[in-house]
Amino acid sequence: MYIYRRTASDNGEDLARAIPGANFYCVSESGPSFGGRYWHFHVDGLVLSRLEVDQASVVTTDERVPNFKVWHVMSPRCSANGEDVGSAELVAVRPGEGGTMRSADKADVTTFGFEASRFARAPELELPFGASSPDSAGRWRLASTVPRQRFVTLSQIMLTQLDTEPRAIQSAGVRAALRNNMLEAIVAMGEAGTFRPDRATAGRHTRIMLRFEDALDAAGDQPIDMADLCRRCGASRRSLEAIVQLRTGKSPWEYQRWRRLWRARAMLRQPGAETTVTDVAFRLGFWHLSRFAANYAATFGERPSDTLTKALGTRSRPQPRSSAISG
């Protein structure tokens, strides 16, 4: 089986739907707009992906494919699960789990993963990140940044070439060559490092954070009651506040409001014939219209009425660009 897909979008929700095997939430922390790209390449049990965001963001993923363990190579000024990622570290995510990335600026994440059952049948490969690797979340610490940078550079070159010649992946010879090159670069990182598991509390905090995101997602456009939110997350108010603050830089209530502001922007940029700013604000639980307008303007650099006016005056709106080849 092989898959190649590239998605570019100015909407975090559209980009989230491009990532297979996970629920994905992306909230921009700075700037009046969102921009991101995602590549996904899967060939014979080996997955390579790359996410790029053009501004400081909080990205949360959960419900990873259960039989895949994934490893993230993050650019500078990123943190994973509340802890900064070093320039010679990889971040491991256990099968069936996820985590939170926070970037202080534009960022990229290159990810690789192995399908456990497929590589368990190939012990002769002796893969350091394969079936025999520790079944826990944590960090792989490299003695040098060189193998990590070589892997990222190779990944960028491969994805650029597939963008230029997407039909190449239809060749079995090309797929074998790409897979071998990826394995070589991955093995070099594995042989140059050692594994350090996360603290015991990190897994519990991750599960609480994922339940928090799921609760906000289930609530849709409506704010969620504080007591109900704590019950759904399985955490006290103080614990929830501490965990969300650590992972996102915001309190649960600030983060919920931030998500709803971005939701308001999406609704105003793609309005119906009867859409009004007041209707959007009330639907999302913003009961003080002046404060809503002020917070919106401070975040996006324009009033909500300006966003709506421009959207209504635009005959054709740009759509997310996506291309995919599979077989």
Protein backbone atom coordinates (compact mmCIF):
# COMPACT_ATOMS: atom_id res chain seq x y z
CA MET A 1 0.00 0.00 0.00
CA TYR A 2 1.19 3.52 -0.70
CA ILE A 3 -0.27 6.99 -0.10
CA TYR A 4 1.02 10.45 -0.87
CA ARG A 5 -0.98 13.55 0.04
CA ARG A 6 -0.24 17.25 0.34
CA THR A 7 -2.64 19.79 1.85
CA ALA A 8 -2.22 23.56 2.16
CA SER A 9 -4.79 25.71 3.94
CA ASP A 10 -5.44 29.06 5.59
CA ASN A 11 -7.84 27.36 7.99
CA GLY A 12 -6.69 25.22 10.92
CA GLU A 13 -9.85 23.12 10.80
CA ASP A 14 -9.28 22.24 7.15
CA LEU A 15 -5.68 21.31 7.84
CA ALA A 16 -6.74 19.12 10.76
CA ARG A 17 -8.88 16.96 8.50
CA ALA A 18 -5.84 16.17 6.34
CA ILE A 19 -4.06 14.22 9.08
CA PRO A 20 -5.09 10.55 9.01
CA GLY A 21 -5.34 8.45 12.14
CA ALA A 22 -5.73 11.28 14.64
CA ASN A 23 -8.03 13.98 15.87
CA PHE A 24 -6.16 17.23 15.42
CA TYR A 25 -6.68 20.71 16.85
CA CYS A 26 -4.60 23.72 15.85
CA VAL A 27 -5.07 27.17 17.39
CA SER A 28 -2.88 30.03 16.25
CA GLU A 29 -1.43 32.13 19.06
CA SER A 30 -0.32 35.17 17.10
CA GLY A 31 -1.01 37.03 13.91
CA PRO A 32 -4.29 37.84 12.16
CA SER A 33 -4.29 34.77 9.94
CA PHE A 34 -3.44 31.10 9.84
CA GLY A 35 -1.31 29.33 7.28
CA GLY A 36 -0.18 25.74 7.24
CA ARG A 37 0.84 22.80 5.11
CA TYR A 38 0.82 19.08 5.71
CA TRP A 39 2.44 16.21 3.77
CA HIS A 40 1.66 12.54 4.36
CA PHE A 41 3.63 9.71 2.78
CA HIS A 42 2.95 6.04 3.63
CA VAL A 43 4.69 3.16 1.89
CA ASP A 44 4.78 -0.48 3.02
CA GLY A 45 4.31 0.13 6.74
CA LEU A 46 6.59 3.16 6.96
CA VAL A 47 5.07 6.62 7.39
CA LEU A 48 6.68 10.01 6.87
CA SER A 49 4.81 13.26 7.44
CA ARG A 50 5.58 16.93 7.80
CA LEU A 51 3.54 19.73 9.33
CA GLU A 52 4.41 23.41 8.84
CA VAL A 53 2.65 26.31 10.55
CA ASP A 54 3.39 29.94 9.74
CA GLN A 55 2.81 31.39 13.21
CA ALA A 56 3.02 30.52 16.89
CA SER A 57 0.46 27.79 17.48
CA VAL A 58 -0.83 25.14 19.84
CA VAL A 59 -1.34 21.75 18.16
CA THR A 60 -2.99 18.83 19.95
CA THR A 61 -3.40 15.35 18.48
CA ASP A 62 -5.04 12.25 19.92
CA GLU A 63 -6.34 8.83 18.88
CA ARG A 64 -3.22 7.92 16.96
CA VAL A 65 -3.42 4.75 14.90
CA PRO A 66 -3.05 2.02 17.57
CA ASN A 67 -0.43 -0.09 15.82
CA PHE A 68 1.91 2.80 14.99
CA LYS A 69 4.49 4.34 17.26
CA VAL A 70 5.51 7.75 15.94
CA TRP A 71 8.56 9.95 16.48
CA HIS A 72 8.55 13.72 16.02
CA VAL A 73 11.48 15.89 14.96
CA MET A 74 10.52 19.44 15.95
CA SER A 75 12.07 22.72 14.89
CA PRO A 76 13.57 25.15 17.44
CA ARG A 77 11.33 26.99 19.91
CA CYS A 78 8.88 24.11 20.20
CA SER A 79 7.73 22.32 23.33
CA ALA A 80 6.08 18.90 23.56
CA ASN A 81 3.76 18.06 26.44
CA GLY A 82 4.93 21.08 28.40
CA GLU A 83 8.67 20.47 28.03
CA ASP A 84 11.00 22.21 25.57
CA VAL A 85 12.40 20.01 22.81
CA GLY A 86 16.17 20.10 22.46
CA SER A 87 17.98 20.48 19.16
CA ALA A 88 19.23 16.87 19.42
CA GLU A 89 16.01 15.21 20.61
CA LEU A 90 13.19 13.21 19.07
CA VAL A 91 9.80 13.01 20.77
CA ALA A 92 8.19 9.56 21.00
CA VAL A 93 4.42 9.02 21.12
CA ARG A 94 3.04 5.64 22.15
CA PRO A 95 0.60 3.75 19.91
CA GLY A 96 -2.95 4.99 20.42
CA GLU A 97 -1.89 8.17 22.20
CA GLY A 98 -1.11 11.76 21.27
CA GLY A 99 0.18 14.93 22.83
CA THR A 100 0.46 18.70 22.64
CA MET A 101 2.97 20.79 20.73
CA ARG A 102 3.36 24.50 21.37
CA SER A 103 5.50 26.69 19.13
CA ALA A 104 6.73 30.18 19.97
CA ASP A 105 7.08 31.08 16.29
CA LYS A 106 6.58 29.50 12.88
CA ALA A 107 7.41 25.84 13.19
CA ASP A 108 7.74 22.52 11.42
CA VAL A 109 7.45 18.95 12.63
CA THR A 110 8.78 16.00 10.64
CA THR A 111 7.36 12.68 11.83
CA PHE A 112 8.15 9.06 11.08
CA GLY A 113 6.50 5.89 12.26
CA PHE A 114 6.53 2.13 11.80
CA GLU A 115 3.64 -0.28 11.56
CA ALA A 116 4.59 -2.61 14.40
CA SER A 117 3.18 -5.83 12.96
CA ARG A 118 4.93 -5.39 9.61
CA PHE A 119 8.36 -4.65 11.06
CA ALA A 120 8.06 -7.36 13.70
CA ARG A 121 8.22 -9.79 10.78
CA ALA A 122 11.55 -8.28 9.67
CA PRO A 123 13.88 -8.66 12.68
CA GLU A 124 16.87 -8.73 10.36
CA LEU A 125 16.50 -4.97 9.92
CA GLU A 126 17.41 -4.46 13.59
CA LEU A 127 15.58 -1.15 13.65
CA PRO A 128 16.32 0.94 16.77
CA PHE A 129 12.86 2.51 16.52
CA GLY A 130 11.11 -0.68 15.44
CA ALA A 131 9.21 -3.39 17.29
CA SER A 132 11.87 -3.76 19.99
CA SER A 133 11.92 -0.06 20.95
CA PRO A 134 10.57 0.91 24.40
CA ASP A 135 6.77 0.97 24.51
CA SER A 136 6.52 4.31 26.30
CA ALA A 137 6.45 8.01 25.54
CA GLY A 138 9.64 9.96 25.98
CA ARG A 139 12.67 11.47 24.25
CA TRP A 140 15.40 9.97 22.10
CA ARG A 141 18.52 11.99 22.82
CA LEU A 142 21.16 12.10 20.12
CA ALA A 143 24.85 12.64 20.80
CA SER A 144 25.00 14.96 17.77
CA THR A 145 22.52 17.07 15.83
CA VAL A 146 23.96 15.89 12.50
CA PRO A 147 21.85 12.70 11.97
CA ARG A 148 18.70 14.61 12.93
CA GLN A 149 19.42 17.38 10.43
CA ARG A 150 20.25 14.88 7.69
CA PHE A 151 16.91 13.17 8.23
CA VAL A 152 14.99 16.46 8.07
CA THR A 153 16.87 17.57 4.94
CA LEU A 154 16.26 14.24 3.22
CA SER A 155 12.57 14.38 4.11
CA GLN A 156 12.24 17.87 2.65
CA ILE A 157 13.99 16.84 -0.57
CA MET A 158 11.80 13.75 -0.96
CA LEU A 159 8.57 15.64 -0.40
CA THR A 160 9.63 18.44 -2.73
CA GLN A 161 10.37 15.92 -5.46
CA LEU A 162 6.99 14.23 -4.95
CA ASP A 163 5.32 17.63 -5.18
CA THR A 164 7.11 18.21 -8.47
CA GLU A 165 6.56 14.70 -9.86
CA PRO A 166 3.68 13.09 -7.93
CA ARG A 167 3.42 10.26 -10.46
CA ALA A 168 6.83 8.99 -9.36
CA ILE A 169 5.29 7.20 -6.38
CA GLN A 170 3.37 4.96 -8.74
CA SER A 171 6.68 3.29 -9.63
CA ALA A 172 7.54 0.32 -7.41
CA GLY A 173 11.23 1.06 -7.95
CA VAL A 174 10.85 4.64 -6.75
CA ARG A 175 8.88 3.50 -3.69
CA ALA A 176 11.58 0.99 -2.78
CA ALA A 177 14.32 3.61 -3.19
CA LEU A 178 12.45 6.16 -1.08
CA ARG A 179 11.77 3.60 1.64
CA ASN A 180 15.41 2.50 1.75
CA ASN A 181 16.64 6.09 1.94
CA MET A 182 14.23 6.84 4.77
CA LEU A 183 15.24 3.71 6.70
CA GLU A 184 18.92 4.57 6.33
CA ALA A 185 18.40 8.08 7.74
CA ILE A 186 16.18 6.81 10.58
CA VAL A 187 18.64 4.08 11.58
CA ALA A 188 21.45 6.65 11.70
CA MET A 189 19.47 8.65 14.27
CA GLY A 190 18.69 5.55 16.30
CA GLU A 191 22.28 4.40 16.46
CA ALA A 192 23.41 7.85 17.60
CA GLY A 193 21.15 8.16 20.65
CA THR A 194 19.51 6.73 23.76
CA PHE A 195 15.95 6.74 25.07
CA ARG A 196 14.68 8.59 28.14
CA PRO A 197 11.06 7.90 29.14
CA ASP A 198 8.77 10.71 30.21
CA ARG A 199 7.98 11.23 33.88
CA ALA A 200 5.19 9.02 35.18
CA THR A 201 2.84 12.00 35.49
CA ALA A 202 3.31 13.06 31.85
CA GLY A 203 1.05 10.30 30.53
CA ARG A 204 -1.73 11.18 32.96
CA HIS A 205 -1.44 14.85 32.07
CA THR A 206 -1.60 13.99 28.37
CA ARG A 207 -4.78 11.99 28.86
CA ILE A 208 -6.38 14.87 30.79
CA MET A 209 -5.36 17.34 28.07
CA LEU A 210 -6.83 15.11 25.35
CA ARG A 211 -10.08 14.71 27.30
CA PHE A 212 -10.14 18.50 27.64
CA GLU A 213 -9.84 18.98 23.88
CA ASP A 214 -12.45 16.28 23.24
CA ALA A 215 -14.87 17.98 25.65
CA LEU A 216 -14.46 21.32 23.88
CA ASP A 217 -14.92 19.59 20.52
CA ALA A 218 -18.08 17.81 21.70
CA ALA A 219 -19.52 21.09 22.98
CA GLY A 220 -19.30 22.48 19.46
CA ASP A 221 -19.98 26.19 19.27
CA GLN A 222 -21.20 26.46 22.84
CA PRO A 223 -19.12 27.27 25.94
CA ILE A 224 -18.96 24.41 28.41
CA ASP A 225 -19.87 24.64 32.09
CA MET A 226 -16.83 24.69 34.38
CA ALA A 227 -17.95 21.87 36.67
CA ASP A 228 -18.98 19.72 33.71
CA LEU A 229 -15.63 20.33 32.04
CA CYS A 230 -13.73 19.18 35.14
CA ARG A 231 -15.87 16.04 35.40
CA ARG A 232 -15.31 15.16 31.74
CA CYS A 233 -11.57 15.65 32.14
CA GLY A 234 -11.38 13.64 35.36
CA ALA A 235 -9.48 16.42 37.11
CA SER A 236 -10.05 19.06 39.75
CA ARG A 237 -10.24 22.69 38.71
CA ARG A 238 -6.73 23.40 40.02
CA SER A 239 -5.20 20.38 38.31
CA LEU A 240 -6.91 21.17 35.02
CA GLU A 241 -5.77 24.78 35.17
CA ALA A 242 -2.16 23.77 35.85
CA ILE A 243 -2.04 21.16 33.06
CA VAL A 244 -3.68 23.32 30.38
CA GLN A 245 -1.51 26.30 31.34
CA LEU A 246 1.62 24.15 31.06
CA ARG A 247 0.64 22.68 27.70
CA THR A 248 -0.86 25.76 26.00
CA GLY A 249 0.30 28.84 27.92
CA LYS A 250 -3.33 29.70 28.67
CA SER A 251 -5.85 28.87 31.36
CA PRO A 252 -8.67 26.49 30.31
CA TRP A 253 -11.08 29.40 30.08
CA GLU A 254 -8.69 31.59 28.07
CA TYR A 255 -7.95 28.69 25.73
CA GLN A 256 -11.65 27.93 25.26
CA ARG A 257 -12.31 31.61 24.46
CA TRP A 258 -9.35 31.63 22.03
CA ARG A 259 -10.74 28.64 20.16
CA ARG A 260 -14.16 30.31 19.94
CA LEU A 261 -12.61 33.52 18.56
CA TRP A 262 -11.03 31.50 15.74
CA ARG A 263 -14.34 29.75 15.20
CA ALA A 264 -16.04 33.15 14.94
CA ARG A 265 -13.51 34.21 12.32
CA ALA A 266 -14.18 31.06 10.29
CA MET A 267 -17.94 31.67 10.42
CA LEU A 268 -17.60 35.32 9.43
CA ARG A 269 -15.26 34.50 6.55
CA GLN A 270 -17.74 31.99 5.11
CA PRO A 271 -21.12 33.52 5.94
CA GLY A 272 -24.60 32.53 4.95
CA ALA A 273 -27.02 34.97 3.42
CA GLU A 274 -28.45 35.89 6.84
CA THR A 275 -25.23 35.86 8.88
CA THR A 276 -24.73 38.81 11.25
CA VAL A 277 -21.96 39.59 13.72
CA THR A 278 -24.45 39.58 16.58
CA ASP A 279 -25.79 36.13 15.66
CA VAL A 280 -22.26 34.70 15.46
CA ALA A 281 -21.28 36.23 18.80
CA PHE A 282 -24.36 34.95 20.63
CA ARG A 283 -24.11 31.50 19.04
CA LEU A 284 -20.57 31.16 20.38
CA GLY A 285 -21.48 32.43 23.86
CA PHE A 286 -20.01 35.94 23.63
CA TRP A 287 -22.65 37.81 25.61
CA HIS A 288 -20.89 41.22 25.72
CA LEU A 289 -20.82 42.44 22.14
CA SER A 290 -18.42 45.35 22.70
CA ARG A 291 -15.89 43.10 24.43
CA PHE A 292 -16.28 40.49 21.72
CA ALA A 293 -15.56 43.10 19.04
CA ALA A 294 -12.56 44.43 21.00
CA ASN A 295 -11.07 40.97 21.60
CA TYR A 296 -11.65 40.05 17.96
CA ALA A 297 -9.95 43.23 16.72
CA ALA A 298 -7.01 42.75 19.09
CA THR A 299 -6.53 39.19 17.81
CA PHE A 300 -7.10 39.62 14.08
CA GLY A 301 -6.34 43.28 13.42
CA GLU A 302 -9.81 44.09 12.13
CA ARG A 303 -13.35 44.37 13.47
CA PRO A 304 -15.68 41.40 13.04
CA SER A 305 -17.93 43.56 10.88
CA ASP A 306 -14.99 44.22 8.53
CA THR A 307 -14.38 40.47 8.17
CA LEU A 308 -18.03 39.88 7.34
CA THR A 309 -18.20 42.77 4.88
CA LYS A 310 -15.14 41.54 2.98
CA ALA A 311 -16.51 37.98 2.87
CA LEU A 312 -19.89 39.09 1.54
CA GLY A 313 -18.17 41.18 -1.10
CA THR A 314 -15.96 38.31 -2.32
CA ARG A 315 -17.52 36.30 -5.11
CA SER A 316 -15.04 33.40 -5.05
CA ARG A 317 -13.20 32.39 -1.92
CA PRO A 318 -9.94 30.42 -1.98
CA GLN A 319 -10.38 26.75 -1.12
CA PRO A 320 -7.90 24.43 0.63
CA ARG A 321 -5.50 22.92 -1.86
CA SER A 322 -5.07 19.21 -1.56
CA SER A 323 -3.58 16.56 -3.79
CA ALA A 324 -3.39 12.85 -3.14
CA ILE A 325 -2.18 9.70 -4.85
CA SER A 326 -2.74 6.23 -3.43
CA GLY A 327 -2.60 2.68 -4.52
